Amino acid sequence: MVEQTKPIELHYWPTPNGWKVSILLEELGVPYDLKLVNIGAGDQFKPEFLAISPNNRMPAIVDPEGPGGQPISVFESGAILQYLARKFGRFYPTDERRRVAVDEWLFWQVGGLGPMAGQAHHFRQYAPEKIAYGIDRYTNEVNRLYGVMNKRLQDREFLADEYSIADMACVGWIVPHKNQGQDLDDFPNLKRWFETLNARPAVEKGLAVGKEERERLNLAQDKNAQSVLFGQRAR
């Protein structure tokens, strides 16, 4: 395993996307410095953050010991997971068939579970008007995606057979399942997987990073924070 002598900078806020990276770093056991990006206060628009994450979204990392011994910054949670797993040679197979399986489920999360669950959260919790069509559309789509996971997990312990970055990418999006209008008892295989992951010490630690700050923000009640987060346009 590669030895990391200088801490990796983790630019982070405790959300399902942020949790992906904090979980992986805890699993890897490599040193990291936490740089909180208060998304409710607009930290994501600061020039120093945009320099490493031009999409004004966290998480992002800066690895002072990147390729060739030179610093590298990485934005987008899926890209960060792949980079770290490749660098440290864990949770991402080198065998091509097995790696393809991990990539399939990683991109399934990035392109499906995350965006759809995020929309369910928005219409169910944050939208100033309760629009039935939007609530039903995204609640039902998340239900469908949970069903896809449940079927996948009926004959295997983890999404790509062995525990991998694909599981780490997905688990944080299942944490707020009640806010998405889902009941895990309807998905017994998914529920078993979720409980298995939550029993891992590194997952528990990764999910706890920044917990107090998340609770203080209380996005569901903070209208100023919602105005920062929602309705952005090109600037």
C-alpha atoms as a PDB file:
ATOM      1  CA  MET A   1       0.000   0.000   0.000  1.00  0.00           C
ATOM      2  CA  VAL A   2       1.182   3.545  -0.786  1.00  0.00           C
ATOM      3  CA  GLU A   3       2.315   5.440   2.294  1.00  0.00           C
ATOM      4  CA  GLN A   4       0.765   8.895   2.622  1.00  0.00           C
ATOM      5  CA  THR A   5       3.071  11.197   4.584  1.00  0.00           C
ATOM      6  CA  LYS A   6       1.203  14.493   4.091  1.00  0.00           C
ATOM      7  CA  PRO A   7      -2.508  14.729   4.886  1.00  0.00           C
ATOM      8  CA  ILE A   8      -5.005  14.874   2.060  1.00  0.00           C
ATOM      9  CA  GLU A   9      -7.197  17.969   2.196  1.00  0.00           C
ATOM     10  CA  LEU A  10     -10.876  17.018   2.257  1.00  0.00           C
ATOM     11  CA  HIS A  11     -13.165  19.920   1.313  1.00  0.00           C
ATOM     12  CA  TYR A  12     -16.430  18.653   2.671  1.00  0.00           C
ATOM     13  CA  TRP A  13     -19.864  19.134   4.109  1.00  0.00           C
ATOM     14  CA  PRO A  14     -21.777  16.243   5.731  1.00  0.00           C
ATOM     15  CA  THR A  15     -24.132  15.191   2.945  1.00  0.00           C
ATOM     16  CA  PRO A  16     -24.489  11.877   1.099  1.00  0.00           C
ATOM     17  CA  ASN A  17     -21.934  13.033  -1.469  1.00  0.00           C
ATOM     18  CA  GLY A  18     -19.506  14.190   1.194  1.00  0.00           C
ATOM     19  CA  TRP A  19     -19.926  10.976   3.165  1.00  0.00           C
ATOM     20  CA  LYS A  20     -18.682   8.918   0.225  1.00  0.00           C
ATOM     21  CA  VAL A  21     -15.206  10.386   0.561  1.00  0.00           C
ATOM     22  CA  SER A  22     -15.037  10.555   4.364  1.00  0.00           C
ATOM     23  CA  ILE A  23     -16.005   6.868   4.485  1.00  0.00           C
ATOM     24  CA  LEU A  24     -13.326   5.876   1.972  1.00  0.00           C
ATOM     25  CA  LEU A  25     -10.638   7.893   3.766  1.00  0.00           C
ATOM     26  CA  GLU A  26     -11.594   6.234   7.044  1.00  0.00           C
ATOM     27  CA  GLU A  27     -11.523   2.806   5.397  1.00  0.00           C
ATOM     28  CA  LEU A  28      -8.091   3.533   3.927  1.00  0.00           C
ATOM     29  CA  GLY A  29      -6.765   4.857   7.201  1.00  0.00           C
ATOM     30  CA  VAL A  30      -4.793   7.621   5.486  1.00  0.00           C
ATOM     31  CA  PRO A  31      -4.293  11.039   7.131  1.00  0.00           C
ATOM     32  CA  TYR A  32      -6.576  13.839   6.035  1.00  0.00           C
ATOM     33  CA  ASP A  33      -7.302  17.416   7.033  1.00  0.00           C
ATOM     34  CA  LEU A  34     -10.955  18.383   7.119  1.00  0.00           C
ATOM     35  CA  LYS A  35     -11.835  21.646   5.395  1.00  0.00           C
ATOM     36  CA  LEU A  36     -15.499  22.324   6.050  1.00  0.00           C
ATOM     37  CA  VAL A  37     -17.375  23.953   3.183  1.00  0.00           C
ATOM     38  CA  ASN A  38     -20.516  25.435   4.721  1.00  0.00           C
ATOM     39  CA  ILE A  39     -22.851  25.134   1.764  1.00  0.00           C
ATOM     40  CA  GLY A  40     -25.606  27.009   3.588  1.00  0.00           C
ATOM     41  CA  ALA A  41     -23.340  30.029   4.061  1.00  0.00           C
ATOM     42  CA  GLY A  42     -22.090  30.027   0.459  1.00  0.00           C
ATOM     43  CA  ASP A  43     -18.526  28.805   1.079  1.00  0.00           C
ATOM     44  CA  GLN A  44     -18.770  26.862  -2.188  1.00  0.00           C
ATOM     45  CA  PHE A  45     -18.668  30.138  -4.142  1.00  0.00           C
ATOM     46  CA  LYS A  46     -15.413  31.400  -2.665  1.00  0.00           C
ATOM     47  CA  PRO A  47     -12.653  31.812  -5.279  1.00  0.00           C
ATOM     48  CA  GLU A  48     -10.256  29.534  -3.420  1.00  0.00           C
ATOM     49  CA  PHE A  49     -12.805  26.724  -3.485  1.00  0.00           C
ATOM     50  CA  LEU A  50     -13.813  27.307  -7.119  1.00  0.00           C
ATOM     51  CA  ALA A  51     -10.146  26.950  -8.027  1.00  0.00           C
ATOM     52  CA  ILE A  52     -10.368  23.249  -7.127  1.00  0.00           C
ATOM     53  CA  SER A  53     -14.090  22.644  -7.704  1.00  0.00           C
ATOM     54  CA  PRO A  54     -15.336  24.780 -10.634  1.00  0.00           C
ATOM     55  CA  ASN A  55     -18.849  23.333 -10.382  1.00  0.00           C
ATOM     56  CA  ASN A  56     -19.183  24.959  -6.917  1.00  0.00           C
ATOM     57  CA  ARG A  57     -20.040  21.624  -5.354  1.00  0.00           C
ATOM     58  CA  MET A  58     -18.311  19.697  -2.642  1.00  0.00           C
ATOM     59  CA  PRO A  59     -16.637  17.334  -1.976  1.00  0.00           C
ATOM     60  CA  ALA A  60     -13.234  18.002  -3.440  1.00  0.00           C
ATOM     61  CA  ILE A  61      -9.782  16.925  -2.382  1.00  0.00           C
ATOM     62  CA  VAL A  62      -6.242  18.187  -2.710  1.00  0.00           C
ATOM     63  CA  ASP A  63      -3.604  15.484  -2.536  1.00  0.00           C
ATOM     64  CA  PRO A  64      -0.187  17.055  -1.859  1.00  0.00           C
ATOM     65  CA  GLU A  65       1.421  13.795  -2.950  1.00  0.00           C
ATOM     66  CA  GLY A  66      -0.275  13.359  -6.303  1.00  0.00           C
ATOM     67  CA  PRO A  67       1.128  11.782  -9.487  1.00  0.00           C
ATOM     68  CA  GLY A  68       4.836  12.401  -9.857  1.00  0.00           C
ATOM     69  CA  GLY A  69       4.972  13.695  -6.308  1.00  0.00           C
ATOM     70  CA  GLN A  70       3.140  16.892  -7.294  1.00  0.00           C
ATOM     71  CA  PRO A  71      -0.121  18.156  -5.759  1.00  0.00           C
ATOM     72  CA  ILE A  72      -3.372  17.339  -7.524  1.00  0.00           C
ATOM     73  CA  SER A  73      -6.926  18.492  -6.877  1.00  0.00           C
ATOM     74  CA  VAL A  74      -9.924  16.319  -7.716  1.00  0.00           C
ATOM     75  CA  PHE A  75     -13.597  17.319  -7.753  1.00  0.00           C
ATOM     76  CA  GLU A  76     -16.737  15.189  -8.247  1.00  0.00           C
ATOM     77  CA  SER A  77     -17.276  12.475  -5.671  1.00  0.00           C
ATOM     78  CA  GLY A  78     -17.123   9.545  -8.100  1.00  0.00           C
ATOM     79  CA  ALA A  79     -13.833  10.756  -9.559  1.00  0.00           C
ATOM     80  CA  ILE A  80     -12.436  11.200  -6.045  1.00  0.00           C
ATOM     81  CA  LEU A  81     -13.406   7.649  -5.078  1.00  0.00           C
ATOM     82  CA  GLN A  82     -11.741   6.235  -8.185  1.00  0.00           C
ATOM     83  CA  TYR A  83      -8.596   8.311  -7.715  1.00  0.00           C
ATOM     84  CA  LEU A  84      -8.091   7.374  -4.063  1.00  0.00           C
ATOM     85  CA  ALA A  85      -8.936   3.708  -4.587  1.00  0.00           C
ATOM     86  CA  ARG A  86      -6.499   3.474  -7.506  1.00  0.00           C
ATOM     87  CA  LYS A  87      -3.763   5.269  -5.607  1.00  0.00           C
ATOM     88  CA  PHE A  88      -3.976   3.111  -2.510  1.00  0.00           C
ATOM     89  CA  GLY A  89      -4.914  -0.103  -4.287  1.00  0.00           C
ATOM     90  CA  ARG A  90      -7.959  -0.960  -2.205  1.00  0.00           C
ATOM     91  CA  PHE A  91     -11.714  -1.301  -2.730  1.00  0.00           C
ATOM     92  CA  TYR A  92     -11.334  -1.090  -6.544  1.00  0.00           C
ATOM     93  CA  PRO A  93     -10.307  -4.312  -8.306  1.00  0.00           C
ATOM     94  CA  THR A  94      -7.496  -4.457 -10.827  1.00  0.00           C
ATOM     95  CA  ASP A  95      -9.147  -7.342 -12.671  1.00  0.00           C
ATOM     96  CA  GLU A  96     -11.051  -5.721 -15.530  1.00  0.00           C
ATOM     97  CA  ARG A  97     -14.273  -7.736 -15.222  1.00  0.00           C
ATOM     98  CA  ARG A  98     -14.532  -7.022 -11.513  1.00  0.00           C
ATOM     99  CA  ARG A  99     -13.617  -3.379 -12.014  1.00  0.00           C
ATOM    100  CA  VAL A 100     -16.350  -2.999 -14.638  1.00  0.00           C
ATOM    101  CA  ALA A 101     -18.901  -4.259 -12.098  1.00  0.00           C
ATOM    102  CA  VAL A 102     -17.745  -1.653  -9.576  1.00  0.00           C
ATOM    103  CA  ASP A 103     -17.870   1.089 -12.215  1.00  0.00           C
ATOM    104  CA  GLU A 104     -21.372   0.086 -13.270  1.00  0.00           C
ATOM    105  CA  TRP A 105     -22.748   0.512  -9.780  1.00  0.00           C
ATOM    106  CA  LEU A 106     -20.674   3.595  -9.033  1.00  0.00           C
ATOM    107  CA  PHE A 107     -22.007   5.345 -12.140  1.00  0.00           C
ATOM    108  CA  TRP A 108     -25.486   4.016 -11.408  1.00  0.00           C
ATOM    109  CA  GLN A 109     -25.325   5.900  -8.140  1.00  0.00           C
ATOM    110  CA  VAL A 110     -23.779   9.050  -9.596  1.00  0.00           C
ATOM    111  CA  GLY A 111     -26.239   9.225 -12.481  1.00  0.00           C
ATOM    112  CA  GLY A 112     -29.344   7.760 -10.865  1.00  0.00           C
ATOM    113  CA  LEU A 113     -29.693   7.145  -7.150  1.00  0.00           C
ATOM    114  CA  GLY A 114     -28.075  10.411  -6.059  1.00  0.00           C
ATOM    115  CA  PRO A 115     -29.874  12.815  -8.403  1.00  0.00           C
ATOM    116  CA  MET A 116     -33.265  11.139  -8.015  1.00  0.00           C
ATOM    117  CA  ALA A 117     -33.025  10.930  -4.218  1.00  0.00           C
ATOM    118  CA  GLY A 118     -31.887  14.546  -4.174  1.00  0.00           C
ATOM    119  CA  GLN A 119     -34.967  15.601  -6.118  1.00  0.00           C
ATOM    120  CA  ALA A 120     -37.164  13.566  -3.779  1.00  0.00           C
ATOM    121  CA  HIS A 121     -35.620  15.412  -0.837  1.00  0.00           C
ATOM    122  CA  HIS A 122     -36.235  18.739  -2.534  1.00  0.00           C
ATOM    123  CA  PHE A 123     -39.872  18.253  -3.417  1.00  0.00           C
ATOM    124  CA  ARG A 124     -40.743  16.459  -0.178  1.00  0.00           C
ATOM    125  CA  GLN A 125     -38.889  18.768   2.232  1.00  0.00           C
ATOM    126  CA  TYR A 126     -37.674  22.027   0.753  1.00  0.00           C
ATOM    127  CA  ALA A 127     -39.992  23.121  -2.034  1.00  0.00           C
ATOM    128  CA  PRO A 128     -42.044  26.102  -0.802  1.00  0.00           C
ATOM    129  CA  GLU A 129     -45.085  24.628  -2.542  1.00  0.00           C
ATOM    130  CA  LYS A 130     -45.974  20.963  -2.101  1.00  0.00           C
ATOM    131  CA  ILE A 131     -46.325  19.937  -5.723  1.00  0.00           C
ATOM    132  CA  ALA A 132     -47.955  16.511  -5.834  1.00  0.00           C
ATOM    133  CA  TYR A 133     -46.606  15.640  -9.272  1.00  0.00           C
ATOM    134  CA  GLY A 134     -43.020  16.354  -8.254  1.00  0.00           C
ATOM    135  CA  ILE A 135     -43.355  14.471  -4.972  1.00  0.00           C
ATOM    136  CA  ASP A 136     -44.889  11.430  -6.650  1.00  0.00           C
ATOM    137  CA  ARG A 137     -42.491  11.470  -9.601  1.00  0.00           C
ATOM    138  CA  TYR A 138     -39.305  11.365  -7.538  1.00  0.00           C
ATOM    139  CA  THR A 139     -40.604   9.306  -4.627  1.00  0.00           C
ATOM    140  CA  ASN A 140     -41.670   6.621  -7.100  1.00  0.00           C
ATOM    141  CA  GLU A 141     -38.380   6.762  -8.999  1.00  0.00           C
ATOM    142  CA  VAL A 142     -36.381   6.352  -5.778  1.00  0.00           C
ATOM    143  CA  ASN A 143     -38.630   3.424  -4.912  1.00  0.00           C
ATOM    144  CA  ARG A 144     -37.799   1.876  -8.287  1.00  0.00           C
ATOM    145  CA  LEU A 145     -34.072   2.385  -7.712  1.00  0.00           C
ATOM    146  CA  TYR A 146     -34.292   0.838  -4.257  1.00  0.00           C
ATOM    147  CA  GLY A 147     -35.931  -2.121  -5.956  1.00  0.00           C
ATOM    148  CA  VAL A 148     -33.022  -2.389  -8.394  1.00  0.00           C
ATOM    149  CA  MET A 149     -30.584  -2.509  -5.474  1.00  0.00           C
ATOM    150  CA  ASN A 150     -32.737  -4.980  -3.603  1.00  0.00           C
ATOM    151  CA  LYS A 151     -32.792  -7.359  -6.574  1.00  0.00           C
ATOM    152  CA  ARG A 152     -29.049  -6.998  -7.126  1.00  0.00           C
ATOM    153  CA  LEU A 153     -28.361  -7.875  -3.493  1.00  0.00           C
ATOM    154  CA  GLN A 154     -30.583 -10.946  -3.339  1.00  0.00           C
ATOM    155  CA  ASP A 155     -27.696 -13.318  -4.094  1.00  0.00           C
ATOM    156  CA  ARG A 156     -24.604 -11.332  -3.059  1.00  0.00           C
ATOM    157  CA  GLU A 157     -23.383  -9.496   0.017  1.00  0.00           C
ATOM    158  CA  PHE A 158     -22.241  -6.332  -1.772  1.00  0.00           C
ATOM    159  CA  LEU A 159     -23.138  -4.570  -5.012  1.00  0.00           C
ATOM    160  CA  ALA A 160     -20.073  -5.779  -6.927  1.00  0.00           C
ATOM    161  CA  ASP A 161     -19.674  -9.007  -4.925  1.00  0.00           C
ATOM    162  CA  GLU A 162     -16.787  -7.690  -2.798  1.00  0.00           C
ATOM    163  CA  TYR A 163     -16.998  -4.554  -0.675  1.00  0.00           C
ATOM    164  CA  SER A 164     -15.964  -1.607  -2.845  1.00  0.00           C
ATOM    165  CA  ILE A 165     -16.259   2.088  -3.557  1.00  0.00           C
ATOM    166  CA  ALA A 166     -19.628   1.311  -5.176  1.00  0.00           C
ATOM    167  CA  ASP A 167     -21.059   0.407  -1.778  1.00  0.00           C
ATOM    168  CA  MET A 168     -19.488   3.491  -0.202  1.00  0.00           C
ATOM    169  CA  ALA A 169     -21.032   5.666  -2.907  1.00  0.00           C
ATOM    170  CA  CYS A 170     -24.530   4.337  -2.253  1.00  0.00           C
ATOM    171  CA  VAL A 171     -24.780   3.917   1.500  1.00  0.00           C
ATOM    172  CA  GLY A 172     -25.028   7.621   2.344  1.00  0.00           C
ATOM    173  CA  TRP A 173     -28.003   7.996   0.039  1.00  0.00           C
ATOM    174  CA  ILE A 174     -29.857   5.301   1.961  1.00  0.00           C
ATOM    175  CA  VAL A 175     -29.265   6.986   5.337  1.00  0.00           C
ATOM    176  CA  PRO A 176     -32.113   9.513   4.783  1.00  0.00           C
ATOM    177  CA  HIS A 177     -34.484   6.911   3.293  1.00  0.00           C
ATOM    178  CA  LYS A 178     -37.406   8.144   5.407  1.00  0.00           C
ATOM    179  CA  ASN A 179     -37.045  11.641   3.938  1.00  0.00           C
ATOM    180  CA  GLN A 180     -37.278  10.011   0.507  1.00  0.00           C
ATOM    181  CA  GLY A 181     -40.565   8.350   1.461  1.00  0.00           C
ATOM    182  CA  GLN A 182     -39.086   4.839   1.593  1.00  0.00           C
ATOM    183  CA  ASP A 183     -39.484   1.988   4.073  1.00  0.00           C
ATOM    184  CA  LEU A 184     -36.508  -0.371   4.212  1.00  0.00           C
ATOM    185  CA  ASP A 185     -38.751  -3.197   5.374  1.00  0.00           C
ATOM    186  CA  ASP A 186     -40.054  -3.253   1.804  1.00  0.00           C
ATOM    187  CA  PHE A 187     -36.527  -4.076   0.599  1.00  0.00           C
ATOM    188  CA  PRO A 188     -35.124  -6.850   2.825  1.00  0.00           C
ATOM    189  CA  ASN A 189     -31.918  -7.439   0.842  1.00  0.00           C
ATOM    190  CA  LEU A 190     -31.158  -3.743   0.741  1.00  0.00           C
ATOM    191  CA  LYS A 191     -31.914  -3.474   4.453  1.00  0.00           C
ATOM    192  CA  ARG A 192     -29.495  -6.315   5.245  1.00  0.00           C
ATOM    193  CA  TRP A 193     -26.775  -4.646   3.129  1.00  0.00           C
ATOM    194  CA  PHE A 194     -27.414  -1.282   4.800  1.00  0.00           C
ATOM    195  CA  GLU A 195     -27.121  -2.786   8.271  1.00  0.00           C
ATOM    196  CA  THR A 196     -23.935  -4.628   7.267  1.00  0.00           C
ATOM    197  CA  LEU A 197     -22.297  -1.412   6.081  1.00  0.00           C
ATOM    198  CA  ASN A 198     -23.387   0.587   9.102  1.00  0.00           C
ATOM    199  CA  ALA A 199     -21.754  -2.029  11.336  1.00  0.00           C
ATOM    200  CA  ARG A 200     -18.345  -1.244   9.803  1.00  0.00           C
ATOM    201  CA  PRO A 201     -16.368   1.080  12.126  1.00  0.00           C
ATOM    202  CA  ALA A 202     -15.004   3.140   9.219  1.00  0.00           C
ATOM    203  CA  VAL A 203     -18.504   3.709   7.827  1.00  0.00           C
ATOM    204  CA  GLU A 204     -19.705   4.792  11.251  1.00  0.00           C
ATOM    205  CA  LYS A 205     -16.771   7.205  11.564  1.00  0.00           C
ATOM    206  CA  GLY A 206     -17.194   8.517   8.030  1.00  0.00           C
ATOM    207  CA  LEU A 207     -20.882   9.252   8.570  1.00  0.00           C
ATOM    208  CA  ALA A 208     -20.086  11.063  11.827  1.00  0.00           C
ATOM    209  CA  VAL A 209     -17.647  13.545  10.270  1.00  0.00           C
ATOM    210  CA  GLY A 210     -19.145  17.030  10.637  1.00  0.00           C
ATOM    211  CA  LYS A 211     -22.343  15.749  12.241  1.00  0.00           C
ATOM    212  CA  GLU A 212     -22.598  18.631  14.707  1.00  0.00           C
ATOM    213  CA  GLU A 213     -22.213  21.216  11.937  1.00  0.00           C
ATOM    214  CA  ARG A 214     -24.927  19.509   9.904  1.00  0.00           C
ATOM    215  CA  GLU A 215     -27.300  19.582  12.863  1.00  0.00           C
ATOM    216  CA  ARG A 216     -26.572  23.254  13.510  1.00  0.00           C
ATOM    217  CA  LEU A 217     -27.365  24.217   9.921  1.00  0.00           C
ATOM    218  CA  ASN A 218     -30.848  22.579   9.942  1.00  0.00           C
ATOM    219  CA  LEU A 219     -31.360  23.211   6.239  1.00  0.00           C
ATOM    220  CA  ALA A 220     -35.031  22.275   6.383  1.00  0.00           C
ATOM    221  CA  GLN A 221     -35.701  25.342   8.584  1.00  0.00           C
ATOM    222  CA  ASP A 222     -33.044  27.803   7.395  1.00  0.00           C
ATOM    223  CA  LYS A 223     -34.604  29.885   4.609  1.00  0.00           C
ATOM    224  CA  ASN A 224     -31.417  31.901   4.072  1.00  0.00           C
ATOM    225  CA  ALA A 225     -29.430  28.713   3.489  1.00  0.00           C
ATOM    226  CA  GLN A 226     -32.093  27.447   1.104  1.00  0.00           C
ATOM    227  CA  SER A 227     -31.868  30.668  -0.901  1.00  0.00           C
ATOM    228  CA  VAL A 228     -28.114  30.096  -1.238  1.00  0.00           C
ATOM    229  CA  LEU A 229     -28.519  26.484  -2.335  1.00  0.00           C
ATOM    230  CA  PHE A 230     -31.568  26.552  -4.582  1.00  0.00           C
ATOM    231  CA  GLY A 231     -32.371  28.462  -7.740  1.00  0.00           C
ATOM    232  CA  GLN A 232     -28.782  29.141  -8.796  1.00  0.00           C
ATOM    233  CA  ARG A 233     -28.129  30.390 -12.304  1.00  0.00           C
ATOM    234  CA  ALA A 234     -24.992  31.052 -14.320  1.00  0.00           C
ATOM    235  CA  ARG A 235     -23.037  33.970 -12.942  1.00  0.00           C
END
